[in-house]
């Protein structure tokens, strides 16, 4: 298999590339196309950069010429490339539409022209919106409630349309919240781990009782690899960790693992349109033969340990990266200035 992976220097993409190189060995060659935006880091793949069956191409998925060059000779595509952070999308960043919709279009057009045998579009559980009880299945209606989720829903449905209209062998995956090594420290777990290491406050939105299902990133990588072979074109598959928990509970577990006091928690004003609960039914994928294998307790211990041991990876981002520092200032400093150690009541 010759595989084009887009966004392979990001958090999930880099874990996927490492997994595929380990699981398939010499039976796969990978082209990694990445624009290297703020959340992408070539250091994420420093350990595989010299392998003969791995090649890095710097470029943007909205550029048809770059995409054509990168996809040449490839028989499968996995599209991780995306703008992904809800908070950034709420600041009005137009790159979410450009990358998450137009970029998907450019990739699909080239895949159609070349006749690739698989095209995996990585979507998200956030396209479903919030659910108070029960779990979303792949047949549930989409109801995205923030600009990020809406842009991903657009790319998701555009990919499906290329299966329905042109027969491009598209498979769509919708995964729950990922966590693990190499995650850019603006997301909840790496932000809170790294802040706690430095005894900085942990800005927790609202009352902290928003519920997410947590999926270890290497389980996500294994699921996508599995679907490259076992997935049915035209189908969508939920990928879940089966680890639902309130954000406040996750925060307290992080602090306990680090031996830090809960007094570091600061309840801050909630973000607009903050979905209360996500929950996925991954029975369809299980019936195909795959279930996530990592218990949350083990995955969290491993994740916290990785960030404790890899200050060389995250500290330069938090201390010297202008994009990160500006985002943190814009998103949290005012909220922290009016924060409380007591949870705010919903509404």
Protein backbone atom coordinates (compact mmCIF):
# COMPACT_ATOMS: atom_id res chain seq x y z
CA UNK A 1 0.00 0.00 0.00
CA UNK A 2 1.16 3.50 -0.86
CA UNK A 3 -0.69 5.83 1.48
CA UNK A 4 -1.14 9.60 1.44
CA UNK A 5 -1.71 10.96 4.94
CA UNK A 6 -2.63 14.63 5.19
CA UNK A 7 -1.98 16.53 8.40
CA UNK A 8 0.46 13.83 9.47
CA UNK A 9 2.56 16.15 11.64
CA UNK A 10 -0.38 16.91 13.89
CA UNK A 11 -1.46 15.08 17.02
CA UNK A 12 -3.66 12.30 15.62
CA UNK A 13 -1.95 12.14 12.23
CA UNK A 14 1.51 11.59 13.69
CA UNK A 15 0.25 8.85 16.00
CA UNK A 16 -1.48 7.23 13.02
CA UNK A 17 1.67 7.29 10.87
CA UNK A 18 3.74 5.77 13.64
CA UNK A 19 1.13 3.06 14.19
CA UNK A 20 0.89 2.16 10.50
CA UNK A 21 4.66 1.99 10.05
CA UNK A 22 4.88 -0.30 13.07
CA UNK A 23 1.90 -2.52 12.21
CA UNK A 24 2.42 -2.84 8.43
CA UNK A 25 6.21 -2.54 8.27
CA UNK A 26 7.71 -2.81 4.81
CA UNK A 27 4.26 -3.49 3.36
CA UNK A 28 3.41 0.22 3.36
CA UNK A 29 4.96 3.46 2.17
CA UNK A 30 3.64 6.78 3.45
CA UNK A 31 3.60 10.28 1.99
CA UNK A 32 2.87 12.84 4.69
CA UNK A 33 1.43 16.11 3.34
CA UNK A 34 1.30 18.82 5.98
CA UNK A 35 1.13 22.62 5.85
CA UNK A 36 2.89 22.87 9.25
CA UNK A 37 0.45 25.27 10.86
CA UNK A 38 0.81 26.20 14.54
CA UNK A 39 -0.42 22.80 15.83
CA UNK A 40 1.77 20.70 13.52
CA UNK A 41 5.26 19.77 14.63
CA UNK A 42 7.83 17.82 12.59
CA UNK A 43 9.35 16.74 15.91
CA UNK A 44 6.27 14.54 16.37
CA UNK A 45 7.76 12.17 13.78
CA UNK A 46 11.47 12.65 14.36
CA UNK A 47 11.80 8.95 15.16
CA UNK A 48 10.50 7.85 11.74
CA UNK A 49 11.78 10.67 9.51
CA UNK A 50 14.73 8.63 8.21
CA UNK A 51 12.80 5.53 7.18
CA UNK A 52 12.95 4.67 3.47
CA UNK A 53 9.18 4.10 3.30
CA UNK A 54 8.32 7.55 4.72
CA UNK A 55 8.38 10.88 2.87
CA UNK A 56 7.36 14.33 4.07
CA UNK A 57 5.91 16.95 1.73
CA UNK A 58 5.22 20.43 3.01
CA UNK A 59 2.11 21.89 1.42
CA UNK A 60 -1.52 22.93 1.78
CA UNK A 61 -4.43 20.65 0.87
CA UNK A 62 -6.21 23.59 -0.76
CA UNK A 63 -3.44 23.74 -3.41
CA UNK A 64 -4.43 21.43 -6.29
CA UNK A 65 -0.87 21.25 -7.69
CA UNK A 66 0.64 20.23 -4.36
CA UNK A 67 -2.12 17.67 -3.78
CA UNK A 68 -1.62 16.18 -7.26
CA UNK A 69 2.11 15.84 -6.66
CA UNK A 70 1.69 14.30 -3.20
CA UNK A 71 -1.03 11.85 -4.28
CA UNK A 72 0.90 10.55 -7.29
CA UNK A 73 1.21 6.77 -7.10
CA UNK A 74 -0.91 6.53 -3.93
CA UNK A 75 -3.74 4.02 -3.76
CA UNK A 76 -5.28 5.26 -0.50
CA UNK A 77 -5.77 8.62 1.26
CA UNK A 78 -6.42 9.38 4.93
CA UNK A 79 -7.35 13.01 5.52
CA UNK A 80 -6.48 14.24 9.01
CA UNK A 81 -5.68 17.78 7.83
CA UNK A 82 -8.05 20.20 9.56
CA UNK A 83 -8.39 23.20 11.76
CA UNK A 84 -9.67 21.56 14.90
CA UNK A 85 -10.00 23.74 18.00
CA UNK A 86 -13.53 24.92 18.85
CA UNK A 87 -12.27 27.94 20.79
CA UNK A 88 -10.26 29.20 17.81
CA UNK A 89 -13.24 28.74 15.49
CA UNK A 90 -15.31 30.93 17.83
CA UNK A 91 -12.81 33.74 17.30
CA UNK A 92 -13.91 33.92 13.65
CA UNK A 93 -11.01 32.15 11.95
CA UNK A 94 -11.92 31.70 8.26
CA UNK A 95 -9.25 29.00 7.84
CA UNK A 96 -11.74 26.50 9.29
CA UNK A 97 -13.88 26.79 6.17
CA UNK A 98 -10.90 26.94 3.84
CA UNK A 99 -9.20 23.81 5.18
CA UNK A 100 -12.10 21.73 6.48
CA UNK A 101 -14.34 22.20 3.43
CA UNK A 102 -12.40 23.52 0.45
CA UNK A 103 -9.37 21.37 1.29
CA UNK A 104 -11.56 18.26 1.38
CA UNK A 105 -12.96 19.21 -2.04
CA UNK A 106 -9.45 19.50 -3.56
CA UNK A 107 -8.43 16.11 -2.14
CA UNK A 108 -11.62 14.43 -3.35
CA UNK A 109 -11.26 15.83 -6.85
CA UNK A 110 -7.72 14.48 -7.13
CA UNK A 111 -8.74 11.13 -5.62
CA UNK A 112 -11.55 10.89 -8.18
CA UNK A 113 -9.19 11.67 -11.01
CA UNK A 114 -6.68 9.05 -9.89
CA UNK A 115 -9.14 6.32 -8.97
CA UNK A 116 -7.79 5.66 -5.47
CA UNK A 117 -9.09 2.50 -3.81
CA UNK A 118 -9.77 4.10 -0.39
CA UNK A 119 -10.41 7.63 0.85
CA UNK A 120 -10.86 7.95 4.62
CA UNK A 121 -12.30 11.27 5.76
CA UNK A 122 -11.63 11.89 9.46
CA UNK A 123 -14.67 13.65 10.91
CA UNK A 124 -15.69 14.13 14.56
CA UNK A 125 -18.46 13.37 17.03
CA UNK A 126 -19.08 17.12 17.27
CA UNK A 127 -21.00 17.07 13.98
CA UNK A 128 -23.90 15.48 15.89
CA UNK A 129 -24.17 18.29 18.43
CA UNK A 130 -25.18 17.66 22.04
CA UNK A 131 -27.22 14.75 23.41
CA UNK A 132 -28.80 14.66 26.89
CA UNK A 133 -29.47 10.91 27.05
CA UNK A 134 -28.48 7.88 25.03
CA UNK A 135 -25.82 7.84 22.32
CA UNK A 136 -25.54 8.95 18.71
CA UNK A 137 -25.47 6.29 16.02
CA UNK A 138 -24.19 6.81 12.50
CA UNK A 139 -27.80 7.36 11.42
CA UNK A 140 -28.41 10.24 13.85
CA UNK A 141 -29.05 13.65 12.26
CA UNK A 142 -26.18 16.13 12.20
CA UNK A 143 -26.65 19.27 14.29
CA UNK A 144 -23.28 21.07 14.64
CA UNK A 145 -23.42 23.92 17.15
CA UNK A 146 -20.12 25.75 16.65
CA UNK A 147 -18.17 26.88 13.57
CA UNK A 148 -15.58 24.10 13.91
CA UNK A 149 -18.22 21.39 14.06
CA UNK A 150 -20.08 22.97 11.15
CA UNK A 151 -16.94 23.04 9.00
CA UNK A 152 -16.27 19.37 9.78
CA UNK A 153 -19.87 18.48 8.97
CA UNK A 154 -19.44 20.22 5.62
CA UNK A 155 -16.33 18.17 4.79
CA UNK A 156 -18.00 15.02 6.08
CA UNK A 157 -21.04 15.38 3.81
CA UNK A 158 -18.96 16.56 0.86
CA UNK A 159 -16.91 13.37 1.12
CA UNK A 160 -20.07 11.26 1.20
CA UNK A 161 -21.39 13.07 -1.86
CA UNK A 162 -18.35 11.94 -3.83
CA UNK A 163 -19.25 8.35 -3.02
CA UNK A 164 -22.90 8.85 -3.90
CA UNK A 165 -22.24 10.90 -7.05
CA UNK A 166 -18.99 9.53 -8.46
CA UNK A 167 -18.33 6.24 -6.70
CA UNK A 168 -15.16 7.48 -4.96
CA UNK A 169 -14.60 4.78 -2.28
CA UNK A 170 -15.06 7.11 0.69
CA UNK A 171 -15.18 5.93 4.30
CA UNK A 172 -16.06 8.47 7.02
CA UNK A 173 -15.02 8.17 10.65
CA UNK A 174 -16.42 10.16 13.58
CA UNK A 175 -14.35 9.81 16.72
CA UNK A 176 -14.88 11.00 20.27
CA UNK A 177 -12.40 13.22 22.18
CA UNK A 178 -8.84 12.06 21.64
CA UNK A 179 -6.10 12.28 24.24
CA UNK A 180 -2.51 11.06 24.43
CA UNK A 181 1.09 12.02 23.56
CA UNK A 182 1.90 14.86 21.15
CA UNK A 183 -1.36 16.78 21.61
CA UNK A 184 -0.94 20.54 21.23
CA UNK A 185 -1.33 22.08 24.71
CA UNK A 186 -4.47 24.10 24.02
CA UNK A 187 -6.79 21.08 24.47
CA UNK A 188 -8.13 20.20 27.92
CA UNK A 189 -5.86 17.37 29.08
CA UNK A 190 -2.46 18.64 27.83
CA UNK A 191 -3.33 22.22 28.85
CA UNK A 192 -4.26 21.16 32.36
CA UNK A 193 -1.32 18.77 32.78
CA UNK A 194 1.23 21.37 31.67
CA UNK A 195 -0.37 24.18 33.66
CA UNK A 196 -0.45 22.00 36.78
CA UNK A 197 3.22 21.06 36.36
CA UNK A 198 3.97 24.79 36.67
CA UNK A 199 1.39 25.36 39.43
CA UNK A 200 -0.66 27.60 37.14
CA UNK A 201 -4.46 27.82 37.36
CA UNK A 202 -6.57 25.36 35.35
CA UNK A 203 -9.34 27.33 33.54
CA UNK A 204 -12.40 25.08 33.56
CA UNK A 205 -15.42 26.26 31.58
CA UNK A 206 -18.78 26.81 33.26
CA UNK A 207 -19.63 24.36 36.04
CA UNK A 208 -17.23 21.71 34.71
CA UNK A 209 -19.99 19.17 34.17
CA UNK A 210 -19.83 18.94 30.39
CA UNK A 211 -19.46 15.27 29.47
CA UNK A 212 -17.08 13.85 26.87
CA UNK A 213 -16.14 10.34 25.84
CA UNK A 214 -12.35 9.91 25.87
CA UNK A 215 -10.52 7.87 23.23
CA UNK A 216 -6.82 7.09 23.52
CA UNK A 217 -5.16 8.35 20.35
CA UNK A 218 -3.42 5.07 19.57
CA UNK A 219 -6.79 3.28 19.68
CA UNK A 220 -8.07 5.84 17.18
CA UNK A 221 -5.04 5.22 14.95
CA UNK A 222 -5.59 1.46 15.11
CA UNK A 223 -9.28 1.87 14.23
CA UNK A 224 -8.53 3.95 11.13
CA UNK A 225 -5.86 1.45 10.06
CA UNK A 226 -8.40 -1.35 10.52
CA UNK A 227 -10.98 0.47 8.39
CA UNK A 228 -8.51 0.90 5.53
CA UNK A 229 -8.98 -2.83 4.98
CA UNK A 230 -12.32 -3.69 6.56
CA UNK A 231 -14.39 -0.55 6.03
CA UNK A 232 -17.17 -0.52 3.45
CA UNK A 233 -17.12 2.38 0.96
CA UNK A 234 -19.98 4.80 1.45
CA UNK A 235 -20.29 3.94 5.13
CA UNK A 236 -19.69 6.01 8.28
CA UNK A 237 -18.20 4.56 11.47
CA UNK A 238 -18.28 6.00 14.99
CA UNK A 239 -15.06 5.43 16.97
CA UNK A 240 -15.51 5.70 20.73
CA UNK A 241 -13.42 5.01 23.79
CA UNK A 242 -16.34 4.08 26.06
CA UNK A 243 -14.98 6.43 28.73
CA UNK A 244 -17.58 9.10 29.43
CA UNK A 245 -16.72 11.56 32.19
CA UNK A 246 -17.45 15.12 33.28
CA UNK A 247 -14.67 17.62 32.63
CA UNK A 248 -14.39 18.32 36.36
CA UNK A 249 -13.73 14.62 37.02
CA UNK A 250 -11.00 14.54 34.35
CA UNK A 251 -9.45 17.67 35.85
CA UNK A 252 -9.34 16.18 39.34
CA UNK A 253 -7.79 12.95 38.02
CA UNK A 254 -5.06 14.90 36.29
CA UNK A 255 -4.29 16.79 39.49
CA UNK A 256 -4.30 13.60 41.56
CA UNK A 257 -1.91 11.91 39.12
CA UNK A 258 0.47 14.87 39.42
CA UNK A 259 0.07 15.21 43.18
CA UNK A 260 -1.22 18.76 42.79
CA UNK A 261 -3.99 20.47 44.84
CA UNK A 262 -7.52 20.92 43.54
CA UNK A 263 -7.17 24.57 44.51
CA UNK A 264 -5.54 25.09 41.12
CA UNK A 265 -8.97 24.71 39.47
CA UNK A 266 -10.55 27.99 38.37
CA UNK A 267 -14.11 27.97 37.06
CA UNK A 268 -14.28 30.50 34.22
CA UNK A 269 -17.06 31.90 32.05
CA UNK A 270 -18.33 29.26 29.65
CA UNK A 271 -17.68 29.45 25.93
CA UNK A 272 -20.61 30.15 23.57
CA UNK A 273 -22.58 27.14 22.35
CA UNK A 274 -20.71 24.74 24.63
CA UNK A 275 -22.23 21.31 23.97
CA UNK A 276 -23.26 19.67 27.23
CA UNK A 277 -22.69 16.01 26.39
CA UNK A 278 -21.30 13.90 23.57
CA UNK A 279 -21.85 10.16 23.43
CA UNK A 280 -21.24 7.74 20.57
CA UNK A 281 -22.58 4.28 19.91
CA UNK A 282 -19.66 2.41 18.30
CA UNK A 283 -21.54 -0.87 17.90
CA UNK A 284 -21.28 -0.77 14.11
CA UNK A 285 -17.48 -0.77 14.28
CA UNK A 286 -17.51 -3.47 16.96
CA UNK A 287 -19.65 -5.71 14.76
CA UNK A 288 -17.05 -5.25 12.03
CA UNK A 289 -14.41 -6.54 14.44
CA UNK A 290 -12.79 -3.57 16.24
CA UNK A 291 -13.12 -2.14 19.74
CA UNK A 292 -10.88 0.32 21.58
CA UNK A 293 -8.47 -1.53 23.87
CA UNK A 294 -7.06 1.09 26.27
CA UNK A 295 -8.83 1.63 29.62
CA UNK A 296 -9.01 5.34 30.43
CA UNK A 297 -7.14 4.91 33.72
CA UNK A 298 -4.13 3.40 31.95
CA UNK A 299 -4.23 5.82 29.05
CA UNK A 300 -4.40 8.86 31.33
CA UNK A 301 -1.48 7.64 33.46
CA UNK A 302 0.59 7.13 30.32
CA UNK A 303 -0.41 10.53 28.94
CA UNK A 304 0.39 12.44 32.12
CA UNK A 305 3.72 10.64 32.39
CA UNK A 306 4.57 11.53 28.79
CA UNK A 307 3.99 15.26 29.38
CA UNK A 308 5.94 15.16 32.64
CA UNK A 309 8.89 13.55 30.87
CA UNK A 310 8.70 15.57 27.65
CA UNK A 311 8.99 19.19 28.78
CA UNK A 312 11.45 19.52 25.91
CA UNK A 313 8.46 19.06 23.58
CA UNK A 314 5.78 21.28 25.14
CA UNK A 315 7.67 23.99 27.02
CA UNK A 316 8.99 25.74 23.88
CA UNK A 317 5.39 25.89 22.59
CA UNK A 318 3.98 27.42 25.75
CA UNK A 319 6.86 29.79 26.40
CA UNK A 320 7.98 30.90 22.94
CA UNK A 321 5.29 30.10 20.36
CA UNK A 322 3.57 33.38 19.44
CA UNK A 323 0.39 31.68 18.17
CA UNK A 324 -0.06 29.77 21.41
CA UNK A 325 0.64 32.76 23.65
CA UNK A 326 -1.77 35.00 21.75
CA UNK A 327 -4.48 32.34 21.87
CA UNK A 328 -4.03 31.81 25.62
CA UNK A 329 -4.11 35.55 26.25
CA UNK A 330 -7.27 36.03 24.16
CA UNK A 331 -9.13 32.99 25.42
CA UNK A 332 -8.24 32.73 29.08
CA UNK A 333 -6.63 35.79 30.65
CA UNK A 334 -9.84 37.84 30.98
CA UNK A 335 -11.78 34.77 32.07
CA UNK A 336 -9.17 33.98 34.71
CA UNK A 337 -9.26 37.55 35.96
CA UNK A 338 -12.91 37.02 36.93
CA UNK A 339 -12.62 33.33 37.80
CA UNK A 340 -13.78 31.50 40.88
CA UNK A 341 -12.75 28.45 42.86
CA UNK A 342 -16.47 27.62 43.06
CA UNK A 343 -18.39 26.06 40.20
CA UNK A 344 -20.83 28.31 38.36
CA UNK A 345 -24.40 27.07 38.02
CA UNK A 346 -25.54 26.29 34.46
CA UNK A 347 -27.35 29.13 32.74
